[in-house]
Amino acid sequence: MIILGIESSCDETACAIVKDGREILSSVVSSSKDLHTKTGGIIPEIAAREQVKCMIPVINLTMKPACAGRQCSNVTMNHIDAIAVTVGPGLIGSLLVGVETAKTIAYLTGKPLIPVNHVFAHLYANWLNVEQPPSFPAIALVVSGGHTELFLMKNHREIKWLGGTRDDAAGETFDKTARLLGLGYPGGPAIAAEAAKHITYNIKHITKNQIKLPRPMMHEETFDFSFSGLKTATLREVNKLKTISQFNNLTITQLSFEIQEAITDVLVDKTLKAAEKYKVKSILLGGGVAANLRLKEKIQFIIHNSKFIIPAFIPPPSLCTDNASYIASFAYFHNHPIPWQEIQARPDLEVEVG
């Protein structure tokens, strides 16, 4: 089965063609990230306007057989069996661009149209272009700019929500703390790059990291997350350092290191506790923050050095951030088309299931 996927929930405009939920035949992503870098965050109206301009060219490029430096295929619309589109959650203006485009294509071609929840769909990046797909049951962590959610996947049909963030998502916390430190947007890569300097500074200055930040809710029994306290603690530390004239390149690096350590410690601890409790056969990560190298290192290190050894699936960075490949993959495994007239953009689409 060949599915054309469309994703436009935030600031990316993406289209992909995926075969049998596993093989990416073509994938194109156009991002307006550079426009939002100037303002330190996404401006919804700007994102939607860019998507209006980019959507048709991105679809055409995805279908174009002659391409260089990207995945492509000779698939035409006649080969497409169904269309999948993100209906939520996300920014309403952005969602409308993708949804209305997909509805128009479905109307003109008569192809079935499958609505997709892009939070769940993030996890299906782990089924793409892999020799051995994940085994069930699996613990699945979706960690992105807008969501930090932990699920138990008994199979493709039974997905139980175990817990989520009570306030800021992990990606949002990276963005907000990066802004406090005067770093760039998006915050996750900016903090990761700054944190990578930490060892160099330690060797040069012969000192240990003196800044310690909290790991909110890490030792609580629930599988919920909370990162607002970490953001507040960072603000207090920045203000304290400024008061004593010690907010400089060294302390910014130390803070970046500690922020990344705190966030990833909590994510890894909760995920592995859930995996052990439910005796799963796989651990899955999805979402933009799953591209964080430190997060990947910690999960792999702990699994490798513990008695609890199960495979951890973490997509390559290109499949962690928003794209349409995982949208099409999800639609293959959850093939529930509905009439195009009934499909609507749903910015507040529920993620708590089971």
Protein backbone atom coordinates (compact mmCIF):
# COMPACT_ATOMS: atom_id res chain seq x y z
CA MET A 1 0.00 0.00 0.00
CA ILE A 2 1.38 3.41 -0.98
CA ILE A 3 0.32 6.43 1.08
CA LEU A 4 0.87 10.13 0.45
CA GLY A 5 1.39 11.89 3.80
CA ILE A 6 0.95 15.60 4.52
CA GLU A 7 2.16 17.32 7.71
CA SER A 8 1.73 20.99 8.65
CA SER A 9 1.05 21.08 12.40
CA CYS A 10 3.67 23.69 13.29
CA ASP A 11 6.29 25.50 11.20
CA GLU A 12 7.20 22.73 8.75
CA THR A 13 5.50 22.04 5.44
CA ALA A 14 6.08 18.37 4.66
CA CYS A 15 4.99 15.71 2.21
CA ALA A 16 6.12 12.10 1.82
CA ILE A 17 5.31 8.89 -0.01
CA VAL A 18 5.66 5.71 2.05
CA LYS A 19 5.16 2.09 1.02
CA ASP A 20 3.61 -0.41 3.43
CA GLY A 21 4.35 1.83 6.42
CA ARG A 22 8.05 0.94 6.29
CA GLU A 23 9.76 2.21 3.14
CA ILE A 24 10.19 5.91 2.41
CA LEU A 25 9.92 6.43 -1.35
CA SER A 26 10.02 10.20 -1.25
CA SER A 27 10.17 12.89 1.42
CA VAL A 28 10.36 16.68 1.30
CA VAL A 29 10.33 19.14 4.22
CA SER A 30 10.29 22.92 3.98
CA SER A 31 10.78 24.77 7.27
CA SER A 32 10.23 28.40 8.23
CA LYS A 33 12.57 28.01 11.21
CA ASP A 34 14.93 30.73 10.01
CA LEU A 35 12.11 33.26 10.06
CA HIS A 36 11.26 32.37 13.66
CA THR A 37 14.89 32.50 14.79
CA LYS A 38 14.73 36.28 14.57
CA THR A 39 11.89 36.40 17.10
CA GLY A 40 13.13 33.58 19.34
CA GLY A 41 10.02 31.48 18.79
CA ILE A 42 7.29 30.52 16.36
CA ILE A 43 4.88 33.25 15.21
CA PRO A 44 1.79 31.22 14.18
CA GLU A 45 0.62 33.66 11.50
CA ILE A 46 4.04 33.72 9.84
CA ALA A 47 4.23 29.91 9.91
CA ALA A 48 0.80 29.55 8.28
CA ARG A 49 1.53 32.12 5.58
CA GLU A 50 4.75 30.32 4.65
CA GLN A 51 2.87 27.02 4.50
CA VAL A 52 0.31 28.48 2.13
CA LYS A 53 3.18 29.44 -0.18
CA CYS A 54 5.08 26.17 0.19
CA MET A 55 2.43 23.44 0.29
CA ILE A 56 1.83 22.92 -3.45
CA PRO A 57 5.54 23.21 -4.41
CA VAL A 58 6.44 20.70 -1.67
CA ILE A 59 3.81 18.23 -2.90
CA ASN A 60 4.96 18.66 -6.50
CA LEU A 61 8.58 18.13 -5.48
CA THR A 62 7.65 14.99 -3.54
CA MET A 63 5.97 13.56 -6.64
CA LYS A 64 8.74 14.65 -8.99
CA PRO A 65 10.75 11.65 -10.27
CA ALA A 66 13.94 13.53 -11.10
CA CYS A 67 15.60 14.63 -7.89
CA ALA A 68 19.05 14.90 -6.38
CA GLY A 69 20.28 14.77 -2.80
CA ARG A 70 16.98 13.53 -1.39
CA GLN A 71 14.75 10.49 -1.35
CA CYS A 72 12.55 10.28 -4.42
CA SER A 73 10.53 7.88 -6.54
CA ASN A 74 8.70 7.48 -9.81
CA VAL A 75 5.36 7.24 -8.08
CA THR A 76 2.50 9.17 -9.65
CA MET A 77 -0.90 9.99 -8.20
CA ASN A 78 -2.24 6.89 -9.97
CA HIS A 79 -0.01 4.76 -7.73
CA ILE A 80 -1.22 6.41 -4.52
CA ASP A 81 -3.68 4.23 -2.58
CA ALA A 82 -4.58 6.73 0.15
CA ILE A 83 -3.81 10.16 1.55
CA ALA A 84 -2.89 10.80 5.19
CA VAL A 85 -2.94 14.21 6.84
CA THR A 86 -2.19 15.60 10.28
CA VAL A 87 -5.42 16.94 11.79
CA GLY A 88 -3.97 17.81 15.21
CA PRO A 89 -2.82 18.72 17.70
CA GLY A 90 -1.01 21.84 16.55
CA LEU A 91 -1.42 25.43 15.42
CA ILE A 92 -4.86 25.98 13.92
CA GLY A 93 -3.67 28.12 11.00
CA SER A 94 -0.96 25.66 10.08
CA LEU A 95 -3.21 22.63 10.43
CA LEU A 96 -5.82 24.18 8.16
CA VAL A 97 -3.31 24.54 5.33
CA GLY A 98 -2.52 20.83 5.31
CA VAL A 99 -6.04 19.61 6.03
CA GLU A 100 -7.71 21.68 3.33
CA THR A 101 -5.03 20.69 0.81
CA ALA A 102 -5.50 17.01 1.59
CA LYS A 103 -9.30 17.30 1.37
CA THR A 104 -9.02 18.97 -2.02
CA ILE A 105 -6.75 16.21 -3.35
CA ALA A 106 -9.08 13.53 -1.96
CA TYR A 107 -12.06 15.20 -3.61
CA LEU A 108 -10.35 15.55 -6.98
CA THR A 109 -8.85 12.06 -7.06
CA GLY A 110 -11.37 10.01 -5.11
CA LYS A 111 -8.56 8.66 -2.90
CA PRO A 112 -9.38 7.61 0.70
CA LEU A 113 -8.37 10.20 3.30
CA ILE A 114 -6.94 9.13 6.68
CA PRO A 115 -6.81 11.65 9.57
CA VAL A 116 -3.70 11.41 11.76
CA ASN A 117 -2.85 12.48 15.31
CA HIS A 118 0.73 13.65 14.85
CA VAL A 119 1.73 13.06 18.50
CA PHE A 120 1.10 9.32 18.18
CA ALA A 121 2.48 9.37 14.65
CA HIS A 122 5.90 10.54 15.88
CA LEU A 123 6.45 7.03 17.22
CA TYR A 124 6.10 5.50 13.78
CA ALA A 125 9.40 7.00 12.70
CA ASN A 126 10.73 3.85 14.38
CA TRP A 127 9.15 1.66 11.71
CA LEU A 128 10.71 3.54 8.81
CA ASN A 129 13.71 2.20 6.90
CA VAL A 130 14.68 -0.32 9.59
CA GLU A 131 15.55 -3.98 9.09
CA GLN A 132 13.84 -5.16 12.26
CA PRO A 133 10.83 -3.18 13.53
CA PRO A 134 10.04 -2.80 17.25
CA SER A 135 8.40 -5.67 19.14
CA PHE A 136 5.36 -5.32 21.37
CA PRO A 137 4.63 -4.51 24.10
CA ALA A 138 6.65 -1.29 24.00
CA ILE A 139 7.12 1.81 26.14
CA ALA A 140 6.99 4.88 23.95
CA LEU A 141 8.13 8.40 24.84
CA VAL A 142 7.07 11.31 22.66
CA VAL A 143 9.19 14.31 23.57
CA SER A 144 8.91 17.49 21.53
CA GLY A 145 8.40 21.22 21.74
CA GLY A 146 4.75 20.88 22.69
CA HIS A 147 4.49 17.42 24.22
CA THR A 148 6.15 15.10 26.70
CA GLU A 149 4.00 11.97 26.79
CA LEU A 150 4.65 8.40 27.89
CA PHE A 151 2.64 5.54 26.36
CA LEU A 152 2.36 1.78 26.67
CA MET A 153 1.88 0.28 23.22
CA LYS A 154 0.44 -3.23 23.58
CA ASN A 155 0.11 -3.39 19.80
CA HIS A 156 -0.78 -1.02 16.98
CA ARG A 157 -4.40 -0.84 18.15
CA GLU A 158 -4.01 -0.71 21.93
CA ILE A 159 -2.14 2.36 23.11
CA LYS A 160 -2.41 3.41 26.76
CA TRP A 161 -1.37 6.85 27.98
CA LEU A 162 0.72 6.51 31.16
CA GLY A 163 1.58 10.12 31.88
CA GLY A 164 2.56 13.48 30.48
CA THR A 165 3.79 16.91 31.36
CA ARG A 166 1.76 18.94 33.81
CA ASP A 167 3.14 22.22 32.48
CA ASP A 168 5.99 22.91 30.05
CA ALA A 169 7.07 20.21 27.62
CA ALA A 170 10.75 19.28 27.47
CA GLY A 171 11.29 21.02 24.13
CA GLU A 172 9.54 24.16 25.35
CA THR A 173 11.78 24.13 28.44
CA PHE A 174 14.87 23.96 26.23
CA ASP A 175 13.57 26.94 24.25
CA LYS A 176 12.72 29.06 27.29
CA THR A 177 15.92 28.36 29.21
CA ALA A 178 17.99 28.98 26.08
CA ARG A 179 16.35 32.40 25.85
CA LEU A 180 17.28 33.10 29.48
CA LEU A 181 20.89 32.29 28.61
CA GLY A 182 20.89 34.47 25.52
CA LEU A 183 21.29 31.49 23.19
CA GLY A 184 19.60 30.89 19.86
CA TYR A 185 16.38 29.28 18.72
CA PRO A 186 15.47 26.47 18.68
CA GLY A 187 16.71 26.02 22.22
CA GLY A 188 17.43 22.29 22.21
CA PRO A 189 20.24 22.36 19.63
CA ALA A 190 21.53 25.67 21.02
CA ILE A 191 21.84 24.31 24.56
CA ALA A 192 23.30 21.02 23.32
CA ALA A 193 25.99 22.88 21.38
CA GLU A 194 26.84 25.05 24.38
CA ALA A 195 26.82 22.08 26.77
CA ALA A 196 29.30 20.28 24.51
CA LYS A 197 31.87 22.92 25.48
CA HIS A 198 31.61 21.96 29.14
CA ILE A 199 34.41 19.40 29.18
CA THR A 200 36.74 21.79 27.37
CA TYR A 201 36.06 24.48 29.94
CA ASN A 202 36.57 22.05 32.80
CA ILE A 203 39.97 21.01 31.50
CA LYS A 204 41.03 24.57 30.86
CA HIS A 205 39.87 25.93 34.20
CA ILE A 206 40.39 22.74 36.24
CA THR A 207 36.99 22.98 37.91
CA LYS A 208 33.86 20.90 38.27
CA ASN A 209 30.42 22.07 37.37
CA GLN A 210 29.33 24.10 40.40
CA ILE A 211 25.78 24.73 39.19
CA LYS A 212 23.12 22.24 40.20
CA LEU A 213 19.51 22.35 39.07
CA PRO A 214 16.50 20.26 40.20
CA ARG A 215 15.17 17.13 38.47
CA PRO A 216 11.42 17.77 38.96
CA MET A 217 9.23 14.76 39.80
CA MET A 218 12.00 12.31 38.93
CA HIS A 219 11.55 10.30 42.10
CA GLU A 220 7.76 10.39 42.26
CA GLU A 221 5.77 7.22 41.58
CA THR A 222 3.71 8.64 38.72
CA PHE A 223 4.80 8.78 35.10
CA ASP A 224 3.94 12.49 34.88
CA PHE A 225 6.51 15.16 34.11
CA SER A 226 6.95 18.77 35.20
CA PHE A 227 9.59 21.15 33.91
CA SER A 228 8.30 24.57 34.99
CA GLY A 229 10.29 24.33 38.23
CA LEU A 230 13.48 23.72 36.26
CA LYS A 231 12.79 26.83 34.21
CA THR A 232 12.21 28.87 37.39
CA ALA A 233 15.38 27.50 39.00
CA THR A 234 17.35 28.48 35.91
CA LEU A 235 15.96 32.02 36.05
CA ARG A 236 16.96 32.33 39.70
CA GLU A 237 20.45 31.05 38.97
CA VAL A 238 20.88 33.50 36.08
CA ASN A 239 19.71 36.41 38.24
CA LYS A 240 22.05 35.37 41.06
CA LEU A 241 25.03 35.12 38.71
CA LYS A 242 24.24 38.53 37.23
CA THR A 243 24.02 40.05 40.71
CA ILE A 244 27.53 38.86 41.57
CA SER A 245 28.85 39.65 38.07
CA GLN A 246 29.55 36.01 37.24
CA PHE A 247 27.15 35.53 34.34
CA ASN A 248 29.74 34.91 31.65
CA ASN A 249 30.69 32.41 28.96
CA LEU A 250 31.83 29.85 31.51
CA THR A 251 28.67 29.94 33.62
CA ILE A 252 26.46 29.94 30.49
CA THR A 253 28.21 26.74 29.43
CA GLN A 254 27.80 25.25 32.92
CA LEU A 255 24.13 26.16 32.99
CA SER A 256 23.58 24.69 29.52
CA PHE A 257 25.25 21.47 30.59
CA GLU A 258 23.16 21.22 33.75
CA ILE A 259 19.87 22.06 31.97
CA GLN A 260 20.48 19.30 29.45
CA GLU A 261 21.50 16.87 32.20
CA ALA A 262 18.41 17.66 34.27
CA ILE A 263 15.93 17.26 31.40
CA THR A 264 17.47 14.08 30.05
CA ASP A 265 17.85 12.55 33.54
CA VAL A 266 14.12 12.90 34.12
CA LEU A 267 13.17 11.58 30.68
CA VAL A 268 15.44 8.55 30.93
CA ASP A 269 14.48 7.70 34.52
CA LYS A 270 10.72 7.78 33.90
CA THR A 271 10.98 5.85 30.63
CA LEU A 272 13.12 3.06 32.03
CA LYS A 273 10.95 2.75 35.16
CA ALA A 274 7.90 2.32 32.93
CA ALA A 275 9.73 -0.22 30.76
CA GLU A 276 10.65 -2.27 33.80
CA LYS A 277 7.19 -2.07 35.36
CA TYR A 278 5.38 -3.25 32.23
CA LYS A 279 8.07 -5.77 31.19
CA VAL A 280 8.17 -4.53 27.62
CA LYS A 281 10.16 -5.80 24.68
CA SER A 282 11.05 -2.40 23.18
CA ILE A 283 11.59 1.23 24.10
CA LEU A 284 10.60 3.79 21.48
CA LEU A 285 11.43 7.48 21.30
CA GLY A 286 9.88 10.05 19.00
CA GLY A 287 9.68 13.82 18.60
CA GLY A 288 12.19 16.58 18.07
CA VAL A 289 13.91 16.24 21.47
CA ALA A 290 14.61 12.56 20.66
CA ALA A 291 17.31 13.94 18.35
CA ASN A 292 19.25 15.08 21.43
CA LEU A 293 22.50 13.11 21.46
CA ARG A 294 22.86 13.19 25.25
CA LEU A 295 19.40 11.63 25.67
CA LYS A 296 20.35 8.83 23.30
CA GLU A 297 23.68 8.28 25.05
CA LYS A 298 22.09 7.96 28.48
CA ILE A 299 19.41 5.50 27.43
CA GLN A 300 21.88 3.30 25.59
CA PHE A 301 24.43 3.46 28.43
CA ILE A 302 21.95 2.53 31.16
CA ILE A 303 20.45 -0.33 29.14
CA HIS A 304 23.89 -1.64 28.23
CA ASN A 305 25.08 -1.56 31.84
CA SER A 306 22.00 -2.96 33.55
CA LYS A 307 20.34 -6.32 33.93
CA PHE A 308 17.29 -4.94 32.15
CA ILE A 309 18.43 -5.24 28.54
CA ILE A 310 15.92 -4.50 25.79
CA PRO A 311 16.34 -2.72 22.44
CA ALA A 312 15.85 1.04 22.36
CA PHE A 313 14.62 2.50 19.07
CA ILE A 314 15.58 6.12 18.42
CA PRO A 315 15.01 7.50 14.91
CA PRO A 316 17.71 9.46 13.08
CA PRO A 317 17.42 13.24 13.65
CA SER A 318 15.78 13.80 10.25
CA LEU A 319 12.86 11.59 11.33
CA CYS A 320 12.61 12.99 14.87
CA THR A 321 11.64 16.48 13.76
CA ASP A 322 8.31 17.08 12.02
CA ASN A 323 8.03 15.33 8.66
CA ALA A 324 5.34 13.55 6.66
CA SER A 325 6.99 10.13 6.49
CA TYR A 326 5.82 9.09 9.94
CA ILE A 327 2.37 10.50 9.15
CA ALA A 328 2.07 8.11 6.22
CA SER A 329 3.52 5.23 8.26
CA PHE A 330 1.01 5.75 11.07
CA ALA A 331 -1.82 5.83 8.54
CA TYR A 332 -0.77 2.46 7.14
CA PHE A 333 -0.96 0.78 10.55
CA HIS A 334 -4.11 2.72 11.52
CA ASN A 335 -5.95 2.64 8.23
CA HIS A 336 -9.27 4.27 9.11
CA PRO A 337 -10.28 6.59 6.26
CA ILE A 338 -13.30 8.81 6.70
CA PRO A 339 -15.18 10.95 4.16
CA TRP A 340 -13.21 14.09 3.32
CA GLN A 341 -16.26 16.22 4.19
CA GLU A 342 -16.02 15.08 7.83
CA ILE A 343 -12.34 15.81 8.38
CA GLN A 344 -11.51 18.96 10.32
CA ALA A 345 -8.40 20.55 11.80
CA ARG A 346 -8.36 19.93 15.56
CA PRO A 347 -5.64 21.97 17.31
CA ASP A 348 -6.55 20.56 20.74
CA LEU A 349 -6.81 16.92 19.64
CA GLU A 350 -6.60 14.62 22.66
CA VAL A 351 -3.44 12.61 23.36
CA GLU A 352 -4.55 10.90 26.60
CA VAL A 353 -5.85 7.51 25.48
CA GLY A 354 -6.43 4.19 27.19
